[in-house]
Amino acid sequence: MSSLTHFDAQGQAHMVDVAGKASTHRVAVAGGCIEMLPQTLDIILAGSAKKGDVLGIARIAGIQAAKKTSDLIPLCHPLALTRVALEFSSAPQHEGAAARVECRATVETFGPTGVEMEALTAVQIALLTIYDMCKAVDRGMTITGVRLLEKHGGKSGSFVTRE
C-alpha cells in the first residue's frame, strides 16, 4: 500500500501537484442505494411525491454535485468534466431486504487526475436528494453501500470492485 498523497514530508495537508502527470481519459463509476418503506418506493415510482419527480430531481442534483466536488472536498482539484450520467433502478421489498432505489454514477474527464471523488459525490448527493424529497412520508430511510465500483485511466490503471 502506498503512502497518503495529501500530506507533505512534514505531515502538513496539501493539494497534490498534478502538473507533471499525463492527461488521459479518466472514468469512474460509483454506486449506492437508499432503503425505504415499500409505500415510499411506490410513491417514487408512481411520480406522486408532493415535491415532484423524485428521480429526475435526484439526477440533476447528482450532476450538480459532481461539478461542485472541489468546492465540497478541500483537496480535490477542480476538473473539467466531459460526462456525468446517473442511472437509477429500484427493487421492491423481498425476503428480508428493504425496498430500495439504487443509484449508479459514471463520471468522465480527460485530464491529469481521476474522477473517483466526483462519482462518489454524485451518488451521495443524489441519494440525499431522494431522502429530502421523501422524508415527509419516511424518515427511516437509510443510505447504504456508497462505494467506488470501478475506475479507469491514469498511471495506476484500472480498478474494479469485487462484488
N, C-alpha and C. Protein backbone atom coordinates (compact mmCIF):
# COMPACT_ATOMS: atom_id res chain seq x y z
N MET A 1 0.85 -1.17 0.00
CA MET A 1 0.00 0.00 0.00
C MET A 1 0.90 1.23 0.00
N SER A 2 0.60 2.19 -0.86
CA SER A 2 1.42 3.39 -0.94
C SER A 2 1.04 4.37 0.16
N SER A 3 1.88 5.38 0.33
CA SER A 3 1.64 6.38 1.37
C SER A 3 0.54 7.34 0.94
N LEU A 4 -0.02 8.05 1.90
CA LEU A 4 -1.06 9.03 1.62
C LEU A 4 -0.45 10.20 0.86
N THR A 5 -1.10 10.60 -0.21
CA THR A 5 -0.53 11.62 -1.10
C THR A 5 -0.88 13.04 -0.71
N HIS A 6 -1.83 13.23 0.19
CA HIS A 6 -2.28 14.58 0.53
C HIS A 6 -1.53 15.18 1.73
N PHE A 7 -0.38 14.57 2.08
CA PHE A 7 0.44 15.10 3.17
C PHE A 7 1.87 15.23 2.68
N ASP A 8 2.52 16.34 3.06
CA ASP A 8 3.92 16.54 2.68
C ASP A 8 4.83 15.84 3.69
N ALA A 9 6.14 16.00 3.52
CA ALA A 9 7.12 15.33 4.38
C ALA A 9 6.99 15.73 5.85
N GLN A 10 6.45 16.92 6.10
CA GLN A 10 6.26 17.39 7.48
C GLN A 10 4.89 17.02 8.04
N GLY A 11 4.09 16.31 7.27
CA GLY A 11 2.77 15.90 7.73
C GLY A 11 1.69 16.94 7.53
N GLN A 12 1.99 17.99 6.78
CA GLN A 12 1.00 19.04 6.51
C GLN A 12 0.14 18.66 5.30
N ALA A 13 -1.14 18.95 5.40
CA ALA A 13 -2.04 18.68 4.28
C ALA A 13 -1.73 19.62 3.12
N HIS A 14 -1.81 19.10 1.91
CA HIS A 14 -1.60 19.92 0.71
C HIS A 14 -2.34 19.30 -0.46
N MET A 15 -2.57 20.13 -1.48
CA MET A 15 -3.18 19.62 -2.71
C MET A 15 -2.07 18.98 -3.52
N VAL A 16 -2.31 17.79 -4.02
CA VAL A 16 -1.31 17.06 -4.79
C VAL A 16 -1.02 17.82 -6.08
N ASP A 17 0.26 17.94 -6.41
CA ASP A 17 0.68 18.60 -7.66
C ASP A 17 0.52 17.61 -8.80
N VAL A 18 -0.41 17.90 -9.72
CA VAL A 18 -0.64 17.00 -10.85
C VAL A 18 -0.10 17.58 -12.16
N ALA A 19 0.68 18.66 -12.07
CA ALA A 19 1.17 19.34 -13.27
C ALA A 19 2.02 18.43 -14.15
N GLY A 20 2.76 17.52 -13.58
CA GLY A 20 3.63 16.65 -14.36
C GLY A 20 2.98 15.36 -14.83
N LYS A 21 1.72 15.15 -14.45
CA LYS A 21 1.04 13.92 -14.84
C LYS A 21 0.45 14.04 -16.24
N ALA A 22 0.46 12.94 -16.95
CA ALA A 22 -0.09 12.93 -18.30
C ALA A 22 -1.62 13.04 -18.26
N SER A 23 -2.16 13.78 -19.21
CA SER A 23 -3.61 13.85 -19.36
C SER A 23 -4.07 12.59 -20.10
N THR A 24 -4.98 11.88 -19.48
CA THR A 24 -5.55 10.67 -20.09
C THR A 24 -7.05 10.69 -19.88
N HIS A 25 -7.73 9.81 -20.60
CA HIS A 25 -9.16 9.66 -20.42
C HIS A 25 -9.39 8.97 -19.08
N ARG A 26 -10.15 9.61 -18.19
CA ARG A 26 -10.41 9.08 -16.85
C ARG A 26 -11.90 8.80 -16.71
N VAL A 27 -12.22 7.66 -16.14
CA VAL A 27 -13.61 7.26 -15.92
C VAL A 27 -13.71 6.68 -14.51
N ALA A 28 -14.77 7.05 -13.80
CA ALA A 28 -15.06 6.44 -12.51
C ALA A 28 -16.54 6.13 -12.43
N VAL A 29 -16.86 5.00 -11.82
CA VAL A 29 -18.24 4.59 -11.62
C VAL A 29 -18.42 4.32 -10.13
N ALA A 30 -19.43 4.93 -9.53
CA ALA A 30 -19.74 4.72 -8.12
C ALA A 30 -21.19 4.29 -8.00
N GLY A 31 -21.51 3.65 -6.88
CA GLY A 31 -22.88 3.21 -6.66
C GLY A 31 -23.25 3.27 -5.21
N GLY A 32 -24.52 3.15 -4.94
CA GLY A 32 -25.06 3.12 -3.59
C GLY A 32 -26.56 2.97 -3.66
N CYS A 33 -27.20 2.87 -2.49
CA CYS A 33 -28.66 2.75 -2.50
C CYS A 33 -29.27 3.41 -1.28
N ILE A 34 -30.56 3.64 -1.38
CA ILE A 34 -31.33 4.15 -0.25
C ILE A 34 -32.46 3.16 -0.02
N GLU A 35 -32.52 2.66 1.21
CA GLU A 35 -33.56 1.70 1.59
C GLU A 35 -34.72 2.46 2.20
N MET A 36 -35.93 1.95 1.97
CA MET A 36 -37.13 2.69 2.39
C MET A 36 -38.29 1.74 2.58
N LEU A 37 -39.40 2.29 3.08
CA LEU A 37 -40.63 1.53 3.18
C LEU A 37 -41.17 1.24 1.78
N PRO A 38 -41.83 0.12 1.60
CA PRO A 38 -42.40 -0.20 0.29
C PRO A 38 -43.34 0.91 -0.23
N GLN A 39 -44.10 1.53 0.68
CA GLN A 39 -45.02 2.60 0.28
C GLN A 39 -44.26 3.80 -0.28
N THR A 40 -43.09 4.07 0.26
CA THR A 40 -42.27 5.19 -0.22
C THR A 40 -41.79 4.92 -1.63
N LEU A 41 -41.33 3.70 -1.88
CA LEU A 41 -40.92 3.33 -3.23
C LEU A 41 -42.10 3.45 -4.20
N ASP A 42 -43.28 3.04 -3.76
CA ASP A 42 -44.46 3.16 -4.62
C ASP A 42 -44.72 4.61 -5.01
N ILE A 43 -44.58 5.51 -4.06
CA ILE A 43 -44.79 6.95 -4.34
C ILE A 43 -43.77 7.45 -5.35
N ILE A 44 -42.51 7.05 -5.17
CA ILE A 44 -41.45 7.48 -6.09
C ILE A 44 -41.74 6.97 -7.50
N LEU A 45 -42.07 5.69 -7.62
CA LEU A 45 -42.27 5.09 -8.93
C LEU A 45 -43.55 5.59 -9.61
N ALA A 46 -44.55 5.95 -8.82
CA ALA A 46 -45.80 6.47 -9.37
C ALA A 46 -45.67 7.94 -9.77
N GLY A 47 -44.60 8.59 -9.30
CA GLY A 47 -44.43 10.01 -9.61
C GLY A 47 -45.39 10.89 -8.84
N SER A 48 -45.85 10.42 -7.68
CA SER A 48 -46.86 11.16 -6.93
C SER A 48 -46.32 11.85 -5.67
N ALA A 49 -45.02 12.00 -5.57
CA ALA A 49 -44.45 12.71 -4.42
C ALA A 49 -44.84 14.19 -4.50
N LYS A 50 -45.17 14.77 -3.35
CA LYS A 50 -45.63 16.17 -3.32
C LYS A 50 -44.59 17.13 -3.88
N LYS A 51 -43.31 16.82 -3.75
CA LYS A 51 -42.26 17.72 -4.23
C LYS A 51 -41.93 17.54 -5.71
N GLY A 52 -42.54 16.55 -6.36
CA GLY A 52 -42.33 16.38 -7.80
C GLY A 52 -41.63 15.08 -8.16
N ASP A 53 -40.98 15.09 -9.32
CA ASP A 53 -40.29 13.93 -9.89
C ASP A 53 -39.01 13.64 -9.10
N VAL A 54 -39.11 12.71 -8.17
CA VAL A 54 -38.01 12.44 -7.24
C VAL A 54 -36.74 12.03 -7.98
N LEU A 55 -36.82 11.08 -8.87
CA LEU A 55 -35.61 10.59 -9.53
C LEU A 55 -35.06 11.60 -10.52
N GLY A 56 -35.91 12.36 -11.18
CA GLY A 56 -35.45 13.40 -12.09
C GLY A 56 -34.68 14.49 -11.35
N ILE A 57 -35.22 14.91 -10.22
CA ILE A 57 -34.54 15.93 -9.41
C ILE A 57 -33.25 15.36 -8.82
N ALA A 58 -33.28 14.11 -8.38
CA ALA A 58 -32.07 13.48 -7.82
C ALA A 58 -30.97 13.39 -8.88
N ARG A 59 -31.36 13.10 -10.12
CA ARG A 59 -30.38 13.03 -11.22
C ARG A 59 -29.69 14.39 -11.40
N ILE A 60 -30.47 15.45 -11.46
CA ILE A 60 -29.90 16.80 -11.62
C ILE A 60 -29.02 17.15 -10.43
N ALA A 61 -29.46 16.81 -9.22
CA ALA A 61 -28.66 17.08 -8.02
C ALA A 61 -27.32 16.36 -8.08
N GLY A 62 -27.33 15.10 -8.53
CA GLY A 62 -26.09 14.34 -8.64
C GLY A 62 -25.13 14.95 -9.65
N ILE A 63 -25.68 15.40 -10.78
CA ILE A 63 -24.83 16.04 -11.80
C ILE A 63 -24.23 17.33 -11.25
N GLN A 64 -25.05 18.14 -10.59
CA GLN A 64 -24.52 19.38 -9.99
C GLN A 64 -23.46 19.08 -8.95
N ALA A 65 -23.68 18.05 -8.15
CA ALA A 65 -22.73 17.70 -7.09
C ALA A 65 -21.39 17.29 -7.68
N ALA A 66 -21.41 16.49 -8.75
CA ALA A 66 -20.14 16.09 -9.38
C ALA A 66 -19.37 17.32 -9.82
N LYS A 67 -20.07 18.29 -10.39
CA LYS A 67 -19.41 19.50 -10.88
C LYS A 67 -18.88 20.38 -9.74
N LYS A 68 -19.43 20.23 -8.54
CA LYS A 68 -19.04 21.06 -7.38
C LYS A 68 -18.15 20.33 -6.38
N THR A 69 -17.68 19.16 -6.72
CA THR A 69 -16.92 18.35 -5.77
C THR A 69 -15.74 19.10 -5.17
N SER A 70 -15.00 19.83 -5.98
CA SER A 70 -13.83 20.54 -5.44
C SER A 70 -14.22 21.66 -4.48
N ASP A 71 -15.46 22.13 -4.53
CA ASP A 71 -15.94 23.12 -3.56
C ASP A 71 -16.28 22.47 -2.23
N LEU A 72 -16.59 21.18 -2.25
CA LEU A 72 -17.03 20.47 -1.06
C LEU A 72 -15.90 19.73 -0.35
N ILE A 73 -14.95 19.21 -1.11
CA ILE A 73 -13.86 18.41 -0.54
C ILE A 73 -12.57 19.22 -0.74
N PRO A 74 -11.98 19.69 0.35
CA PRO A 74 -10.93 20.72 0.28
C PRO A 74 -9.75 20.44 -0.63
N LEU A 75 -9.28 19.22 -0.74
CA LEU A 75 -8.06 18.97 -1.50
C LEU A 75 -8.31 18.39 -2.90
N CYS A 76 -9.57 18.37 -3.34
CA CYS A 76 -9.89 17.92 -4.70
C CYS A 76 -9.61 19.03 -5.70
N HIS A 77 -9.09 18.63 -6.85
CA HIS A 77 -8.84 19.59 -7.92
C HIS A 77 -10.15 19.92 -8.64
N PRO A 78 -10.33 21.17 -9.04
CA PRO A 78 -11.47 21.47 -9.92
C PRO A 78 -11.20 20.84 -11.29
N LEU A 79 -12.17 20.14 -11.83
CA LEU A 79 -11.97 19.41 -13.08
C LEU A 79 -13.00 19.82 -14.13
N ALA A 80 -12.58 19.77 -15.36
CA ALA A 80 -13.50 19.97 -16.48
C ALA A 80 -14.07 18.60 -16.84
N LEU A 81 -15.26 18.32 -16.34
CA LEU A 81 -15.88 17.03 -16.58
C LEU A 81 -16.45 16.98 -17.99
N THR A 82 -16.26 15.85 -18.66
CA THR A 82 -16.79 15.70 -20.01
C THR A 82 -18.10 14.91 -20.02
N ARG A 83 -18.39 14.20 -18.93
CA ARG A 83 -19.64 13.43 -18.84
C ARG A 83 -19.96 13.13 -17.40
N VAL A 84 -21.23 13.30 -17.05
CA VAL A 84 -21.76 12.85 -15.77
C VAL A 84 -23.11 12.22 -16.07
N ALA A 85 -23.26 10.94 -15.77
CA ALA A 85 -24.52 10.24 -16.02
C ALA A 85 -24.93 9.47 -14.77
N LEU A 86 -26.19 9.61 -14.38
CA LEU A 86 -26.73 8.88 -13.24
C LEU A 86 -27.85 7.97 -13.71
N GLU A 87 -27.81 6.74 -13.22
CA GLU A 87 -28.85 5.75 -13.52
C GLU A 87 -29.46 5.30 -12.20
N PHE A 88 -30.78 5.12 -12.22
CA PHE A 88 -31.48 4.63 -11.04
C PHE A 88 -32.20 3.34 -11.38
N SER A 89 -32.23 2.44 -10.42
CA SER A 89 -33.03 1.24 -10.54
C SER A 89 -33.69 1.01 -9.19
N SER A 90 -34.75 0.24 -9.18
CA SER A 90 -35.46 0.02 -7.92
C SER A 90 -35.66 -1.47 -7.70
N ALA A 91 -35.85 -1.80 -6.45
CA ALA A 91 -36.12 -3.18 -6.07
C ALA A 91 -37.17 -3.17 -4.96
N PRO A 92 -38.24 -3.93 -5.13
CA PRO A 92 -39.26 -3.99 -4.07
C PRO A 92 -38.74 -4.77 -2.87
N GLN A 93 -39.45 -4.64 -1.77
CA GLN A 93 -39.11 -5.39 -0.57
C GLN A 93 -39.29 -6.88 -0.87
N HIS A 94 -38.30 -7.68 -0.45
CA HIS A 94 -38.41 -9.13 -0.64
C HIS A 94 -37.46 -9.86 0.29
N GLU A 95 -37.86 -11.00 0.77
CA GLU A 95 -37.04 -11.91 1.57
C GLU A 95 -36.13 -11.19 2.55
N GLY A 96 -36.69 -10.33 3.36
CA GLY A 96 -35.92 -9.64 4.39
C GLY A 96 -35.16 -8.42 3.92
N ALA A 97 -35.12 -8.16 2.63
CA ALA A 97 -34.44 -6.97 2.10
C ALA A 97 -35.46 -5.84 1.96
N ALA A 98 -35.06 -4.65 2.35
CA ALA A 98 -35.94 -3.49 2.27
C ALA A 98 -36.14 -3.07 0.82
N ALA A 99 -37.25 -2.38 0.56
CA ALA A 99 -37.44 -1.74 -0.73
C ALA A 99 -36.33 -0.71 -0.88
N ARG A 100 -35.88 -0.49 -2.12
CA ARG A 100 -34.75 0.42 -2.28
C ARG A 100 -34.68 1.00 -3.68
N VAL A 101 -33.96 2.12 -3.76
CA VAL A 101 -33.58 2.71 -5.03
C VAL A 101 -32.06 2.65 -5.07
N GLU A 102 -31.53 2.12 -6.15
CA GLU A 102 -30.09 2.06 -6.34
C GLU A 102 -29.67 3.15 -7.32
N CYS A 103 -28.53 3.74 -7.06
CA CYS A 103 -28.00 4.80 -7.92
C CYS A 103 -26.61 4.41 -8.38
N ARG A 104 -26.34 4.68 -9.65
CA ARG A 104 -25.03 4.42 -10.24
C ARG A 104 -24.63 5.68 -11.02
N ALA A 105 -23.47 6.22 -10.70
CA ALA A 105 -22.98 7.43 -11.38
C ALA A 105 -21.71 7.10 -12.15
N THR A 106 -21.66 7.58 -13.39
CA THR A 106 -20.48 7.45 -14.23
C THR A 106 -20.00 8.86 -14.55
N VAL A 107 -18.72 9.12 -14.26
CA VAL A 107 -18.14 10.44 -14.48
C VAL A 107 -16.88 10.27 -15.33
N GLU A 108 -16.70 11.18 -16.30
CA GLU A 108 -15.54 11.12 -17.18
C GLU A 108 -14.91 12.49 -17.34
N THR A 109 -13.61 12.46 -17.62
CA THR A 109 -12.86 13.66 -17.97
C THR A 109 -11.65 13.24 -18.79
N PHE A 110 -10.97 14.20 -19.34
CA PHE A 110 -9.67 13.99 -19.96
C PHE A 110 -8.73 14.92 -19.22
N GLY A 111 -7.86 14.36 -18.40
CA GLY A 111 -7.01 15.22 -17.59
C GLY A 111 -5.97 14.45 -16.80
N PRO A 112 -5.26 15.16 -15.90
CA PRO A 112 -4.16 14.56 -15.16
C PRO A 112 -4.54 13.89 -13.84
N THR A 113 -5.82 13.92 -13.48
CA THR A 113 -6.23 13.30 -12.22
C THR A 113 -7.60 12.68 -12.39
N GLY A 114 -7.88 11.70 -11.54
CA GLY A 114 -9.10 10.90 -11.68
C GLY A 114 -10.36 11.58 -11.18
N VAL A 115 -11.48 10.90 -11.41
CA VAL A 115 -12.80 11.44 -11.09
C VAL A 115 -13.56 10.57 -10.09
N GLU A 116 -12.83 9.82 -9.27
CA GLU A 116 -13.48 8.96 -8.29
C GLU A 116 -14.31 9.78 -7.30
N MET A 117 -13.75 10.88 -6.81
CA MET A 117 -14.46 11.68 -5.82
C MET A 117 -15.73 12.29 -6.42
N GLU A 118 -15.66 12.67 -7.68
CA GLU A 118 -16.83 13.25 -8.35
C GLU A 118 -17.95 12.22 -8.48
N ALA A 119 -17.60 10.98 -8.81
CA ALA A 119 -18.61 9.93 -8.93
C ALA A 119 -19.22 9.60 -7.57
N LEU A 120 -18.39 9.51 -6.55
CA LEU A 120 -18.89 9.23 -5.20
C LEU A 120 -19.78 10.35 -4.69
N THR A 121 -19.38 11.59 -4.95
CA THR A 121 -20.17 12.74 -4.52
C THR A 121 -21.51 12.77 -5.25
N ALA A 122 -21.51 12.46 -6.53
CA ALA A 122 -22.76 12.44 -7.30
C ALA A 122 -23.75 11.44 -6.71
N VAL A 123 -23.28 10.24 -6.38
CA VAL A 123 -24.16 9.22 -5.81
C VAL A 123 -24.70 9.68 -4.46
N GLN A 124 -23.82 10.14 -3.61
CA GLN A 124 -24.24 10.52 -2.26
C GLN A 124 -25.27 11.64 -2.29
N ILE A 125 -25.05 12.65 -3.09
CA ILE A 125 -25.98 13.78 -3.15
C ILE A 125 -27.29 13.38 -3.82
N ALA A 126 -27.24 12.53 -4.83
CA ALA A 126 -28.47 12.04 -5.45
C ALA A 126 -29.32 11.28 -4.42
N LEU A 127 -28.67 10.44 -3.62
CA LEU A 127 -29.40 9.68 -2.60
C LEU A 127 -29.92 10.59 -1.50
N LEU A 128 -29.14 11.58 -1.11
CA LEU A 128 -29.61 12.56 -0.12
C LEU A 128 -30.80 13.35 -0.64
N THR A 129 -30.81 13.62 -1.92
CA THR A 129 -31.94 14.33 -2.52
C THR A 129 -33.20 13.48 -2.46
N ILE A 130 -33.07 12.18 -2.72
CA ILE A 130 -34.22 11.29 -2.58
C ILE A 130 -34.73 11.34 -1.14
N TYR A 131 -33.80 11.28 -0.19
CA TYR A 131 -34.20 11.37 1.22
C TYR A 131 -34.96 12.67 1.48
N ASP A 132 -34.40 13.78 1.04
CA ASP A 132 -35.02 15.08 1.27
C ASP A 132 -36.43 15.15 0.68
N MET A 133 -36.59 14.62 -0.51
CA MET A 133 -37.88 14.72 -1.19
C MET A 133 -38.93 13.77 -0.61
N CYS A 134 -38.50 12.75 0.12
CA CYS A 134 -39.43 11.74 0.64
C CYS A 134 -39.50 11.69 2.16
N LYS A 135 -38.76 12.54 2.85
CA LYS A 135 -38.69 12.45 4.32
C LYS A 135 -40.03 12.70 5.00
N ALA A 136 -40.93 13.41 4.34
CA ALA A 136 -42.24 13.67 4.94
C ALA A 136 -43.04 12.38 5.13
N VAL A 137 -42.77 11.37 4.30
CA VAL A 137 -43.51 10.11 4.42
C VAL A 137 -42.66 8.98 5.01
N ASP A 138 -41.33 9.17 5.09
CA ASP A 138 -40.48 8.07 5.56
C ASP A 138 -39.15 8.62 6.09
N ARG A 139 -39.12 8.93 7.37
CA ARG A 139 -37.88 9.46 7.97
C ARG A 139 -36.88 8.35 8.29
N GLY A 140 -37.27 7.11 8.14
CA GLY A 140 -36.40 5.99 8.46
C GLY A 140 -35.58 5.46 7.30
N MET A 141 -35.57 6.18 6.17
CA MET A 141 -34.78 5.73 5.03
C MET A 141 -33.30 5.65 5.42
N THR A 142 -32.59 4.72 4.81
CA THR A 142 -31.17 4.52 5.12
C THR A 142 -30.36 4.50 3.84
N ILE A 143 -29.36 5.36 3.79
CA ILE A 143 -28.42 5.37 2.66
C ILE A 143 -27.31 4.37 3.00
N THR A 144 -27.01 3.51 2.05
CA THR A 144 -26.05 2.45 2.35
C THR A 144 -25.24 2.07 1.11
N GLY A 145 -24.10 1.48 1.35
CA GLY A 145 -23.31 0.87 0.28
C GLY A 145 -22.70 1.84 -0.71
N VAL A 146 -22.52 3.10 -0.36
CA VAL A 146 -21.89 4.03 -1.31
C VAL A 146 -20.43 3.64 -1.43
N ARG A 147 -20.02 3.38 -2.70
CA ARG A 147 -18.65 2.88 -2.90
C ARG A 147 -18.23 3.10 -4.34
N LEU A 148 -16.92 3.09 -4.54
CA LEU A 148 -16.36 3.13 -5.88
C LEU A 148 -16.51 1.73 -6.48
N LEU A 149 -17.11 1.65 -7.66
CA LEU A 149 -17.29 0.37 -8.33
C LEU A 149 -16.15 0.09 -9.31
N GLU A 150 -15.73 1.15 -10.02
CA GLU A 150 -14.60 0.98 -10.93
C GLU A 150 -14.02 2.33 -11.30
N LYS A 151 -12.77 2.30 -11.73
CA LYS A 151 -12.10 3.48 -12.26
C LYS A 151 -11.12 3.03 -13.32
N HIS A 152 -10.94 3.90 -14.32
CA HIS A 152 -10.05 3.59 -15.43
C HIS A 152 -9.27 4.84 -15.81
N GLY A 153 -8.05 4.63 -16.26
CA GLY A 153 -7.20 5.73 -16.71
C GLY A 153 -6.14 6.08 -15.70
N GLY A 154 -5.14 6.78 -16.17
CA GLY A 154 -4.06 7.21 -15.29
C GLY A 154 -3.00 6.15 -15.11
N LYS A 155 -1.97 6.55 -14.37
CA LYS A 155 -0.82 5.68 -14.14
C LYS A 155 -1.16 4.40 -13.38
N SER A 156 -2.11 4.50 -12.45
CA SER A 156 -2.45 3.32 -11.65
C SER A 156 -3.35 2.34 -12.39
N GLY A 157 -3.83 2.72 -13.58
CA GLY A 157 -4.61 1.78 -14.39
C GLY A 157 -6.04 1.63 -13.91
N SER A 158 -6.57 0.44 -14.10
CA SER A 158 -7.97 0.18 -13.78
C SER A 158 -8.14 -0.46 -12.42
N PHE A 159 -9.29 -0.20 -11.83
CA PHE A 159 -9.71 -0.82 -10.58
C PHE A 159 -11.18 -1.20 -10.76
N VAL A 160 -11.53 -2.43 -10.42
CA VAL A 160 -12.92 -2.86 -10.46
C VAL A 160 -13.20 -3.57 -9.14
N THR A 161 -14.27 -3.14 -8.48
CA THR A 161 -14.66 -3.73 -7.20
C THR A 161 -15.08 -5.17 -7.38
N ARG A 162 -14.63 -6.00 -6.49
CA ARG A 162 -15.10 -7.38 -6.48
C ARG A 162 -16.45 -7.40 -5.79
N GLU A 163 -17.47 -7.92 -6.43
CA GLU A 163 -18.82 -7.95 -5.83
C GLU A 163 -19.03 -9.22 -5.09
